[in-house]
Amino acid sequence: MALNPQRAKQLYAVLTKINTAIEAEQTTSALKKLEELNTKYPNEPMILTLLGKVNSKMGRHAEAIESFEKAVKADAKNADTRFQLALALQKGGRYDEALVEYERALYYNPNHFLALRHKCSVLTDLDRNEEALKTWKTLCKSSQGQSTDPSIQLAIAISGARLAPKVIDPKESIANLQRYVENESCEKSMRIAGYWQLGRLCDHLKAHDDAFAYWKKSKELNKKQWVPQDHSKRIDQLITCWTSNANIPFSSTDGSRLIFIVGMMRSGTSLTEQMIAQTQGVTPGGEMNAISRQIAPIEPNTKEFVPYTRPLPYTKRLYTKPIIEKMAQTAMQMYNQVARDGRITDKQPFNYAYVPLIAHMFPGCKIIHCVRNPMDCCLSNYTQAFSRPHPQTHDLYWIGRYYRDYERLMQAWHTLPEVDMINLHYEELVTDPETQSKRVMEFLGLEWNQNILDFHKSPRTVSTASRDQVRKPVYTSSVQKYKNYEHHLDQLKCGLGIK
C-alpha cells in the first residue's frame, strides 16, 4: 500500500535521522529501529535500502543482500538500488552475481559512475584484467564532463592503479594518483585508498621509504582511538574465564564437520583455507561471523567495552548448559546454509579469541592456528587497507601490543585439554607446502591430493584482503619482508617488547 504524502514525508524524516546514525557508526541502534519500521511498513524500498546499508556496514553480508533484493523487487528499475545490491553481492564474495547487477544498473542508467567503477573493480577481483582495462577506459571517458571534481578523478586513478602493474604502467598510475591524493577537498575515503595504492606501487618498485611514507599517511588520515591497556584488561578477563576451573558445560552438537582456521589477520588464513578447499567434501565458508553473533546478545555492554572490537565471552556465569546448547544450534544453522553435507571451513581470523568457547559449542571440531613472524604479521596489518575499522592497525606500537595480547591468549588456549588445535607456521608452509599441507590433512583426517598445491588454479574467488595472493603459486617473498622497512619500525618493536 502506497503511503499518503504526509506519512511519506514523516517517514522520510525518520529515515534521514537513521541514515545519519549509520554514518556515525551507531549501527546497532539504527538496525533495531529499521527492523521495527520494516515490520510496520513491509516492502517499503527506502526502509529496505537502509536495512541493506546498515547490515553491510556491520559485515552482515547475507542480510544486506536479502534486504537489497527485496528493495529491487519493490522498485526494479531503480539503478541506485540495483547498484547497492551489486555492491552487497561484491562484499559478500558473490562476484559473478555482482557483475550481473552492475550491468543491470548500467542498463537503467548508462552514466551511473559508481556502477561503472565497481564493475571495473569486480573484473579486477576476478583477474579479468583486459576486460577491466576496457571498462576503466570507458570510465575515464564517462567522467570527462565532471573533470572539475577531484574526488571523481582520484577514484578513477585508484581504479587504474589496481590494474598496475599487470596491464597499466605503475609509474603512470603513481603520477595519476599524485595529482589528486593531496587535495583535501577529495573524499577522505578516496584519499586513504589513494595513499594505500601509492604505497603498494612504490613497494612493487622497491622504493621502500616512499612506500612506507604513503602507508603512514593512509593510516593517519583516519586514525581512531585505541587504548592498548583497555584491550589487555579484556584479554586478562577472557583468559581467567576459560582457564581458572571453568567448569563450563559442553553442547550436545556434533562439531566434527567444522574446521576453524584462526590467527592474526594477515597470518595465512586465506592461503590455508584455499588449499584445504581443494579437497573433495570440503566446502569453504570464508570469514563467517557465526560465533561472534552468538556472543553479542549474551555479554553485557559493560564499561570495559571498546569501540570497533568484537564481543568477548568473559562472563563465566552466563555460559550455562541451555545457553551453550542454543548458541551451538543457532551457529550450526548458519554453517548448514553453507553446506548440509561434508566438512565446512570457517576462516574468521578473530575466532582465535573464541577457541575454548568453540570447543565447548562444537565438540569434535578441528582448529588450525595460523602463526606468522610477529614483525612481518604486524607490518602487513599496518600496511593493509581493510574494509572495516581495525583501529589497532593504525599505529605501530598499538599493533605490536595487540599481537602480544593475541600471543598470550593462544598460549593459554593450548593448555586446555578440550581444544583440538595445531599450529601452522606461515614460513614453514610457503617453504615446504607439501610437507605442511600433508600434516594438516592428517590432522583433519582427510586425504591429501596434488590439487592442494595447485590451489592458485582454482576458479574460487576470495573476498578478503588476500584475494590477489591466493591466485599465485606459493611464494616466499613475504617472509622477512619487514627487513625492507626495519629502520621505520622502532615503535613496532617497542609494542612487541623486542629490544
Protein backbone atom coordinates (compact mmCIF):
# COMPACT_ATOMS: atom_id res chain seq x y z
CA MET A 1 0.00 0.00 0.00
CA ALA A 2 1.35 3.43 -1.02
CA LEU A 3 1.91 5.91 1.80
CA ASN A 4 -0.04 9.15 1.75
CA PRO A 5 2.12 12.27 1.19
CA GLN A 6 2.09 13.34 4.85
CA ARG A 7 3.05 9.86 6.15
CA ALA A 8 5.72 9.54 3.44
CA LYS A 9 7.21 12.90 4.50
CA GLN A 10 7.30 11.86 8.15
CA LEU A 11 8.87 8.52 7.29
CA TYR A 12 11.49 10.22 5.13
CA ALA A 13 12.45 12.49 8.04
CA VAL A 14 12.83 9.49 10.37
CA LEU A 15 14.89 7.58 7.83
CA THR A 16 17.14 10.60 7.28
CA LYS A 17 17.96 10.61 11.00
CA ILE A 18 18.61 6.87 10.93
CA ASN A 19 20.91 7.26 7.95
CA THR A 20 22.87 9.91 9.87
CA ALA A 21 23.19 7.44 12.76
CA ILE A 22 24.50 4.77 10.39
CA GLU A 23 27.11 7.17 9.03
CA ALA A 24 28.13 7.92 12.63
CA GLU A 25 28.73 4.17 13.21
CA GLN A 26 25.67 3.89 15.51
CA THR A 27 24.75 0.72 13.68
CA THR A 28 23.18 -1.39 16.43
CA SER A 29 20.54 1.19 17.38
CA ALA A 30 19.90 2.00 13.70
CA LEU A 31 19.36 -1.67 12.89
CA LYS A 32 16.86 -2.07 15.71
CA LYS A 33 14.82 0.96 14.58
CA LEU A 34 14.86 -0.16 10.96
CA GLU A 35 13.68 -3.65 11.85
CA GLU A 36 10.77 -2.11 13.77
CA LEU A 37 9.90 0.12 10.81
CA ASN A 38 10.16 -2.81 8.41
CA THR A 39 7.57 -4.70 10.46
CA LYS A 40 5.27 -1.68 10.32
CA TYR A 41 5.90 -0.86 6.65
CA PRO A 42 6.89 -4.10 4.87
CA ASN A 43 8.30 -3.85 1.34
CA GLU A 44 8.96 -0.11 1.64
CA PRO A 45 12.02 0.45 -0.62
CA MET A 46 13.53 3.26 1.48
CA ILE A 47 13.47 1.11 4.64
CA LEU A 48 14.78 -1.97 2.85
CA THR A 49 17.61 0.04 1.30
CA LEU A 50 18.73 1.38 4.67
CA LEU A 51 18.43 -2.12 6.18
CA GLY A 52 20.77 -3.30 3.47
CA LYS A 53 23.15 -0.43 4.16
CA VAL A 54 23.36 -0.95 7.92
CA ASN A 55 23.74 -4.72 7.60
CA SER A 56 26.51 -4.23 5.06
CA LYS A 57 28.29 -1.80 7.37
CA MET A 58 28.10 -4.38 10.16
CA GLY A 59 29.58 -7.07 7.92
CA ARG A 60 26.28 -8.99 7.80
CA HIS A 61 26.52 -9.65 4.08
CA ALA A 62 23.77 -12.26 3.75
CA GLU A 63 21.25 -9.99 5.49
CA ALA A 64 22.36 -6.99 3.41
CA ILE A 65 21.90 -8.92 0.18
CA GLU A 66 18.47 -10.13 1.26
CA SER A 67 17.31 -6.57 2.06
CA PHE A 68 18.60 -5.14 -1.21
CA GLU A 69 17.00 -7.99 -3.17
CA LYS A 70 13.63 -7.11 -1.61
CA ALA A 71 14.23 -3.41 -2.37
CA VAL A 72 14.99 -4.24 -6.01
CA LYS A 73 11.86 -6.36 -6.21
CA ALA A 74 9.83 -3.40 -4.94
CA ASP A 75 11.48 -0.91 -7.32
CA ALA A 76 13.04 -2.93 -10.15
CA LYS A 77 14.02 -0.02 -12.42
CA ASN A 78 15.87 1.98 -9.78
CA ALA A 79 19.52 1.98 -10.90
CA ASP A 80 20.78 3.14 -7.49
CA THR A 81 19.08 0.24 -5.70
CA ARG A 82 20.46 -2.18 -8.28
CA PHE A 83 23.90 -0.71 -7.63
CA GLN A 84 23.53 -1.20 -3.86
CA LEU A 85 22.54 -4.83 -4.38
CA ALA A 86 25.54 -5.37 -6.65
CA LEU A 87 27.85 -3.78 -4.08
CA ALA A 88 26.47 -6.03 -1.32
CA LEU A 89 26.99 -9.09 -3.53
CA GLN A 90 30.55 -7.97 -4.21
CA LYS A 91 31.29 -7.52 -0.50
CA GLY A 92 29.79 -10.95 0.13
CA GLY A 93 32.18 -12.52 -2.36
CA ARG A 94 29.49 -13.31 -4.93
CA TYR A 95 31.37 -11.65 -7.77
CA ASP A 96 29.63 -13.15 -10.80
CA GLU A 97 26.20 -12.17 -9.46
CA ALA A 98 27.52 -8.71 -8.59
CA LEU A 99 28.72 -8.25 -12.16
CA VAL A 100 25.23 -9.07 -13.49
CA GLU A 101 23.63 -6.50 -11.18
CA TYR A 102 26.16 -3.80 -12.13
CA GLU A 103 25.23 -4.45 -15.77
CA ARG A 104 21.54 -4.10 -14.90
CA ALA A 105 22.17 -0.84 -13.06
CA LEU A 106 24.01 0.44 -16.14
CA TYR A 107 21.11 -0.67 -18.33
CA TYR A 108 18.75 1.60 -16.41
CA ASN A 109 21.36 4.37 -16.12
CA PRO A 110 24.25 4.05 -18.62
CA ASN A 111 26.01 7.01 -16.95
CA HIS A 112 25.95 5.56 -13.44
CA PHE A 113 29.53 6.38 -12.45
CA LEU A 114 29.68 4.17 -9.35
CA ALA A 115 28.21 1.16 -11.14
CA LEU A 116 30.79 1.51 -13.89
CA ARG A 117 33.64 1.97 -11.41
CA HIS A 118 32.64 -1.02 -9.32
CA LYS A 119 32.13 -3.14 -12.44
CA CYS A 120 35.79 -2.40 -13.15
CA SER A 121 36.60 -3.40 -9.56
CA VAL A 122 34.82 -6.75 -9.83
CA LEU A 123 36.52 -7.57 -13.12
CA THR A 124 39.85 -6.75 -11.45
CA ASP A 125 38.97 -9.00 -8.50
CA LEU A 126 38.15 -11.79 -10.95
CA ASP A 127 41.54 -11.26 -12.63
CA ARG A 128 39.79 -10.43 -15.91
CA ASN A 129 42.26 -7.63 -16.44
CA GLU A 130 41.78 -6.90 -20.14
CA GLU A 131 38.01 -6.51 -19.61
CA ALA A 132 38.70 -4.38 -16.55
CA LEU A 133 41.07 -2.17 -18.56
CA LYS A 134 38.42 -1.68 -21.24
CA THR A 135 35.86 -0.77 -18.56
CA TRP A 136 38.35 1.62 -16.94
CA LYS A 137 38.87 3.43 -20.24
CA THR A 138 35.08 3.77 -20.56
CA LEU A 139 35.05 5.14 -17.02
CA CYS A 140 37.66 7.73 -17.96
CA LYS A 141 35.58 8.85 -20.96
CA SER A 142 32.36 8.99 -18.94
CA SER A 143 33.89 11.43 -16.46
CA GLN A 144 35.12 13.97 -18.97
CA GLY A 145 32.24 16.28 -18.19
CA GLN A 146 32.96 16.02 -14.47
CA SER A 147 36.69 16.73 -14.68
CA THR A 148 36.43 19.56 -12.15
CA ASP A 149 35.58 17.15 -9.32
CA PRO A 150 38.90 15.94 -7.85
CA SER A 151 37.21 13.11 -5.92
CA ILE A 152 35.95 11.60 -9.18
CA GLN A 153 39.36 11.91 -10.78
CA LEU A 154 41.03 10.34 -7.75
CA ALA A 155 38.51 7.49 -7.82
CA ILE A 156 39.38 6.85 -11.47
CA ALA A 157 43.09 6.96 -10.70
CA ILE A 158 42.60 4.39 -7.91
CA SER A 159 40.68 2.07 -10.25
CA GLY A 160 43.53 2.33 -12.75
CA ALA A 161 46.15 1.76 -10.06
CA ARG A 162 44.52 -1.54 -9.13
CA LEU A 163 45.36 -2.72 -12.66
CA ALA A 164 49.03 -1.82 -12.24
CA PRO A 165 51.47 -3.39 -12.84
CA LYS A 166 49.52 -6.11 -14.71
CA VAL A 167 48.12 -4.04 -17.60
CA ILE A 168 48.99 -0.45 -16.66
CA ASP A 169 52.46 1.03 -16.08
CA PRO A 170 52.86 1.54 -12.29
CA LYS A 171 54.78 4.79 -12.80
CA GLU A 172 51.86 6.14 -14.84
CA SER A 173 49.45 5.16 -12.06
CA ILE A 174 51.65 6.77 -9.41
CA ALA A 175 51.66 10.02 -11.37
CA ASN A 176 47.86 9.92 -11.77
CA LEU A 177 47.36 9.34 -8.04
CA GLN A 178 49.79 12.06 -7.02
CA ARG A 179 47.79 14.66 -8.97
CA TYR A 180 44.82 14.35 -6.63
CA VAL A 181 45.62 12.46 -3.42
CA GLU A 182 46.95 15.52 -1.53
CA ASN A 183 43.82 17.55 -2.37
CA GLU A 184 41.95 17.94 0.94
CA SER A 185 38.68 18.60 -0.88
CA CYS A 186 38.67 14.96 -2.03
CA GLU A 187 36.64 12.48 -0.02
CA LYS A 188 38.67 11.13 2.88
CA SER A 189 37.95 7.51 1.94
CA MET A 190 39.29 8.17 -1.55
CA ARG A 191 42.47 9.76 -0.20
CA ILE A 192 43.03 6.81 2.16
CA ALA A 193 42.68 4.36 -0.74
CA GLY A 194 44.88 6.56 -2.92
CA TYR A 195 47.70 6.65 -0.40
CA TRP A 196 47.46 2.91 0.07
CA GLN A 197 47.74 2.27 -3.66
CA LEU A 198 50.74 4.60 -3.82
CA GLY A 199 52.34 2.57 -1.05
CA ARG A 200 51.63 -0.70 -2.85
CA LEU A 201 53.05 0.53 -6.16
CA CYS A 202 56.15 2.08 -4.58
CA ASP A 203 56.74 -1.20 -2.74
CA HIS A 204 56.48 -3.00 -6.08
CA LEU A 205 59.12 -0.65 -7.49
CA LYS A 206 61.28 -1.23 -4.36
CA ALA A 207 61.03 2.44 -3.37
CA HIS A 208 60.58 1.32 0.22
CA ASP A 209 60.93 4.66 2.01
CA ASP A 210 58.35 6.26 -0.28
CA ALA A 211 56.04 3.25 0.16
CA PHE A 212 56.20 3.46 3.95
CA ALA A 213 55.56 7.23 3.91
CA TYR A 214 52.40 6.71 1.83
CA TRP A 215 51.15 3.86 4.00
CA LYS A 216 51.70 6.00 7.08
CA LYS A 217 49.62 8.80 5.57
CA SER A 218 46.88 6.29 4.71
CA LYS A 219 46.72 5.09 8.33
CA GLU A 220 46.94 8.52 9.97
CA LEU A 221 44.25 10.09 7.81
CA ASN A 222 41.50 8.20 9.64
CA LYS A 223 43.17 7.16 12.90
CA LYS A 224 40.62 6.16 15.51
CA GLN A 225 41.16 5.94 19.25
CA TRP A 226 42.58 2.70 20.62
CA VAL A 227 43.80 2.12 24.17
CA PRO A 228 46.09 -0.96 24.35
CA GLN A 229 45.78 -1.14 28.15
CA ASP A 230 41.98 -1.46 27.94
CA HIS A 231 42.27 -4.27 25.41
CA SER A 232 44.83 -6.04 27.60
CA LYS A 233 42.41 -5.94 30.55
CA ARG A 234 39.73 -7.61 28.44
CA ILE A 235 42.19 -10.31 27.42
CA ASP A 236 43.04 -10.85 31.11
CA GLN A 237 39.34 -11.39 31.84
CA LEU A 238 38.99 -13.75 28.89
CA ILE A 239 41.91 -15.94 29.96
CA THR A 240 40.65 -16.05 33.55
CA CYS A 241 37.14 -17.05 32.43
CA TRP A 242 38.27 -20.09 30.47
CA THR A 243 41.34 -21.34 32.35
CA SER A 244 40.54 -20.99 36.07
CA ASN A 245 38.47 -24.10 36.84
CA ALA A 246 35.99 -23.00 34.21
CA ASN A 247 33.53 -25.92 34.56
CA ILE A 248 31.65 -24.56 31.57
CA PRO A 249 29.40 -27.24 30.01
CA PHE A 250 29.65 -28.70 26.52
CA SER A 251 26.82 -28.76 24.00
CA SER A 252 25.46 -31.99 22.56
CA THR A 253 26.04 -30.73 18.99
CA ASP A 254 28.46 -32.81 16.91
CA GLY A 255 31.15 -30.42 15.69
CA SER A 256 33.17 -32.94 13.69
CA ARG A 257 32.08 -31.31 10.39
CA LEU A 258 33.65 -27.99 11.29
CA ILE A 259 37.18 -26.75 10.61
CA PHE A 260 38.11 -23.42 12.16
CA ILE A 261 41.10 -21.52 10.75
CA VAL A 262 42.18 -18.83 13.20
CA GLY A 263 45.03 -16.43 13.86
CA MET A 264 46.03 -12.83 13.47
CA MET A 265 44.86 -11.10 10.32
CA ARG A 266 47.49 -11.46 7.58
CA SER A 267 48.83 -14.70 9.05
CA GLY A 268 47.99 -17.04 6.17
CA THR A 269 44.38 -17.95 6.96
CA SER A 270 43.18 -17.33 3.39
CA LEU A 271 46.01 -19.37 1.91
CA THR A 272 45.29 -22.22 4.32
CA GLU A 273 41.57 -22.27 3.54
CA GLN A 274 42.18 -22.11 -0.20
CA MET A 275 44.48 -25.12 0.00
CA ILE A 276 42.09 -27.17 2.14
CA ALA A 277 39.19 -26.20 -0.16
CA GLN A 278 40.78 -28.22 -2.98
CA THR A 279 39.86 -31.40 -1.11
CA GLN A 280 36.68 -33.20 -2.13
CA GLY A 281 33.99 -32.98 0.52
CA VAL A 282 35.21 -29.67 1.97
CA THR A 283 33.14 -26.50 1.45
CA PRO A 284 34.90 -23.21 2.23
CA GLY A 285 32.78 -20.82 4.28
CA GLY A 286 35.19 -17.88 4.21
CA GLU A 287 35.12 -15.38 7.06
CA MET A 288 31.91 -16.18 8.90
CA ASN A 289 30.55 -14.43 11.98
CA ALA A 290 28.58 -17.42 13.27
CA ILE A 291 30.39 -17.44 16.62
CA SER A 292 30.60 -13.72 17.40
CA ARG A 293 26.89 -13.31 16.67
CA GLN A 294 26.05 -15.76 19.43
CA ILE A 295 28.15 -13.83 21.96
CA ALA A 296 26.93 -10.31 21.21
CA PRO A 297 23.42 -10.64 22.74
CA ILE A 298 24.72 -12.55 25.78
CA GLU A 299 27.61 -10.44 27.03
CA PRO A 300 26.56 -7.21 28.80
CA ASN A 301 27.66 -3.91 27.33
CA THR A 302 29.98 -3.06 30.23
CA LYS A 303 32.21 -0.06 30.80
CA GLU A 304 35.10 -2.16 29.52
CA PHE A 305 33.53 -2.23 26.04
CA VAL A 306 35.96 -0.96 23.41
CA PRO A 307 34.58 0.54 20.15
CA TYR A 308 35.25 -1.33 16.90
CA THR A 309 36.02 -4.63 18.62
CA ARG A 310 34.11 -7.86 18.69
CA PRO A 311 32.39 -9.07 21.87
CA LEU A 312 34.38 -11.36 24.14
CA PRO A 313 32.96 -14.27 26.17
CA TYR A 314 34.47 -13.44 29.55
CA THR A 315 31.46 -13.56 31.92
CA LYS A 316 31.65 -17.18 33.10
CA ARG A 317 28.25 -17.36 34.82
CA LEU A 318 26.45 -16.62 31.55
CA TYR A 319 27.60 -19.81 29.81
CA THR A 320 25.14 -22.31 31.20
CA LYS A 321 24.19 -25.60 29.55
CA PRO A 322 20.98 -24.19 27.93
CA ILE A 323 22.88 -21.14 26.63
CA ILE A 324 25.72 -23.20 25.16
CA GLU A 325 23.17 -25.52 23.53
CA LYS A 326 21.27 -22.62 21.98
CA MET A 327 24.44 -20.92 20.76
CA ALA A 328 25.61 -24.12 19.09
CA GLN A 329 22.28 -24.83 17.43
CA THR A 330 21.93 -21.29 16.08
CA ALA A 331 25.50 -21.16 14.79
CA MET A 332 25.15 -24.60 13.19
CA GLN A 333 22.15 -23.32 11.24
CA MET A 334 24.47 -20.74 9.68
CA TYR A 335 27.04 -23.41 8.82
CA ASN A 336 24.31 -25.60 7.32
CA GLN A 337 23.44 -22.75 4.97
CA VAL A 338 26.97 -23.10 3.57
CA ALA A 339 26.71 -26.88 3.17
CA ARG A 340 24.47 -29.61 4.52
CA ASP A 341 26.99 -32.39 4.00
CA GLY A 342 30.73 -32.79 4.32
CA ARG A 343 33.21 -30.57 6.08
CA ILE A 344 32.98 -26.77 6.33
CA THR A 345 35.76 -24.26 6.95
CA ASP A 346 35.30 -21.00 8.84
CA LYS A 347 38.36 -18.83 8.42
CA GLN A 348 37.27 -15.86 10.53
CA PRO A 349 40.71 -14.94 11.99
CA PHE A 350 39.28 -13.37 15.15
CA ASN A 351 37.79 -16.70 16.17
CA TYR A 352 41.17 -17.14 17.87
CA ALA A 353 39.63 -15.28 20.83
CA TYR A 354 36.79 -17.81 20.95
CA VAL A 355 38.79 -21.05 20.78
CA PRO A 356 37.64 -22.56 24.11
CA LEU A 357 34.04 -21.44 23.54
CA ILE A 358 34.15 -23.06 20.09
CA ALA A 359 35.46 -26.28 21.65
CA HIS A 360 32.53 -26.25 24.11
CA MET A 361 29.95 -25.38 21.45
CA PHE A 362 31.20 -27.93 18.90
CA PRO A 363 32.87 -30.97 20.47
CA GLY A 364 34.87 -32.82 17.83
CA CYS A 365 35.71 -29.75 15.74
CA LYS A 366 39.24 -29.12 14.45
CA ILE A 367 41.10 -25.83 14.82
CA ILE A 368 44.08 -24.72 12.73
CA HIS A 369 46.01 -21.83 14.25
CA CYS A 370 47.94 -19.88 11.61
CA VAL A 371 51.12 -18.35 13.01
CA ARG A 372 53.40 -15.82 11.34
CA ASN A 373 56.57 -13.97 12.28
CA PRO A 374 55.34 -11.11 14.51
CA MET A 375 57.30 -8.40 12.69
CA ASP A 376 56.04 -9.49 9.27
CA CYS A 377 52.49 -10.05 10.52
CA CYS A 378 52.21 -6.68 12.25
CA LEU A 379 53.80 -4.78 9.37
CA SER A 380 51.37 -6.45 6.97
CA ASN A 381 48.47 -5.32 9.17
CA TYR A 382 49.83 -1.77 9.28
CA THR A 383 50.32 -1.59 5.52
CA GLN A 384 46.93 -3.11 4.63
CA ALA A 385 43.75 -1.22 3.74
CA PHE A 386 40.93 -3.08 5.48
CA SER A 387 37.29 -2.59 4.51
CA ARG A 388 36.15 -2.48 8.16
CA PRO A 389 37.61 -0.48 11.07
CA HIS A 390 40.55 -2.12 12.81
CA PRO A 391 41.93 0.80 14.85
CA GLN A 392 44.75 -1.25 16.38
CA THR A 393 46.32 -1.46 12.90
CA HIS A 394 46.69 2.33 12.57
CA ASP A 395 49.67 2.65 14.90
CA LEU A 396 52.83 0.54 15.01
CA TYR A 397 53.01 0.47 18.80
CA TRP A 398 49.30 -0.42 19.08
CA ILE A 399 49.52 -3.34 16.67
CA GLY A 400 52.60 -4.62 18.48
CA ARG A 401 50.77 -4.56 21.81
CA TYR A 402 47.75 -6.20 20.19
CA TYR A 403 49.94 -9.01 18.85
CA ARG A 404 51.40 -9.66 22.31
CA ASP A 405 47.88 -9.99 23.76
CA TYR A 406 46.92 -12.37 20.95
CA GLU A 407 50.07 -14.40 21.55
CA ARG A 408 49.50 -14.90 25.28
CA LEU A 409 45.87 -15.75 24.59
CA MET A 410 46.86 -18.54 22.23
CA GLN A 411 49.43 -19.82 24.71
CA ALA A 412 46.62 -20.09 27.27
CA TRP A 413 44.32 -21.93 24.87
CA HIS A 414 47.00 -24.52 24.08
CA THR A 415 46.91 -25.63 27.73
CA LEU A 416 43.21 -26.60 27.55
CA PRO A 417 42.64 -30.34 27.02
CA GLU A 418 39.28 -29.83 25.27
CA VAL A 419 40.90 -27.80 22.46
CA ASP A 420 41.96 -29.88 19.42
CA MET A 421 44.27 -27.44 17.66
CA ILE A 422 47.54 -27.42 15.73
CA ASN A 423 49.84 -24.55 14.84
CA LEU A 424 50.61 -23.94 11.17
CA HIS A 425 53.56 -21.60 10.66
CA TYR A 426 53.29 -19.45 7.54
CA GLU A 427 57.03 -19.53 6.92
CA GLU A 428 57.10 -23.34 7.01
CA LEU A 429 54.01 -23.60 4.81
CA VAL A 430 55.41 -21.46 1.99
CA THR A 431 58.88 -23.01 2.25
CA ASP A 432 57.68 -26.63 2.22
CA PRO A 433 53.99 -26.62 1.23
CA GLU A 434 53.78 -30.35 0.51
CA THR A 435 55.05 -31.48 3.92
CA GLN A 436 52.99 -28.92 5.82
CA SER A 437 49.78 -29.50 3.85
CA LYS A 438 50.13 -33.26 4.39
CA ARG A 439 50.49 -32.59 8.12
CA VAL A 440 47.30 -30.50 8.08
CA MET A 441 45.38 -33.15 6.11
CA GLU A 442 46.48 -35.83 8.55
CA PHE A 443 45.27 -33.69 11.47
CA LEU A 444 41.90 -33.22 9.75
CA GLY A 445 41.58 -36.89 8.82
CA LEU A 446 41.41 -36.03 5.12
CA GLU A 447 43.24 -37.49 2.15
CA TRP A 448 45.97 -35.34 0.63
CA ASN A 449 45.91 -34.67 -3.12
CA GLN A 450 48.02 -32.76 -5.63
CA ASN A 451 45.29 -30.15 -6.17
CA ILE A 452 46.12 -28.75 -2.74
CA LEU A 453 49.44 -27.49 -4.12
CA ASP A 454 47.70 -26.17 -7.24
CA PHE A 455 45.22 -24.09 -5.22
CA HIS A 456 46.03 -20.98 -7.30
CA LYS A 457 44.37 -22.60 -10.33
CA SER A 458 41.03 -22.83 -8.53
CA PRO A 459 38.22 -20.71 -10.03
CA ARG A 460 37.07 -19.91 -6.48
CA THR A 461 37.30 -16.21 -5.60
CA VAL A 462 38.28 -14.80 -2.22
CA SER A 463 36.65 -11.63 -0.89
CA THR A 464 39.25 -10.66 1.72
CA ALA A 465 42.42 -8.56 1.51
CA SER A 466 44.31 -11.72 0.42
CA ARG A 467 42.39 -12.13 -2.85
CA ASP A 468 45.48 -11.49 -5.01
CA GLN A 469 47.80 -13.75 -3.03
CA VAL A 470 45.67 -16.88 -3.39
CA ARG A 471 45.76 -16.58 -7.18
CA LYS A 472 49.52 -17.11 -7.20
CA PRO A 473 51.52 -20.27 -6.56
CA VAL A 474 53.16 -20.42 -3.12
CA TYR A 475 55.82 -17.70 -2.86
CA THR A 476 58.32 -16.76 -0.15
CA SER A 477 58.83 -13.07 -0.93
CA SER A 478 56.71 -12.04 2.08
CA VAL A 479 58.98 -13.90 4.50
CA GLN A 480 61.10 -11.38 6.47
CA LYS A 481 59.70 -8.60 4.31
CA TYR A 482 59.88 -6.36 7.37
CA LYS A 483 63.65 -6.06 6.85
CA ASN A 484 62.99 -3.70 3.92
CA TYR A 485 61.35 -1.33 6.41
CA GLU A 486 63.15 -2.15 9.66
CA HIS A 487 64.54 1.36 10.18
CA HIS A 488 60.92 2.62 10.37
CA LEU A 489 59.78 0.01 12.90
CA ASP A 490 61.18 1.04 16.29
CA GLN A 491 57.70 1.67 17.68
CA LEU A 492 56.55 -1.74 16.49
CA LYS A 493 59.47 -3.40 18.25
CA CYS A 494 58.59 -1.45 21.39
CA GLY A 495 55.00 -2.70 21.21
CA LEU A 496 56.19 -6.26 20.68
CA GLY A 497 58.67 -6.00 23.55
CA ILE A 498 61.66 -6.54 21.23
CA LYS A 499 64.83 -4.78 22.36
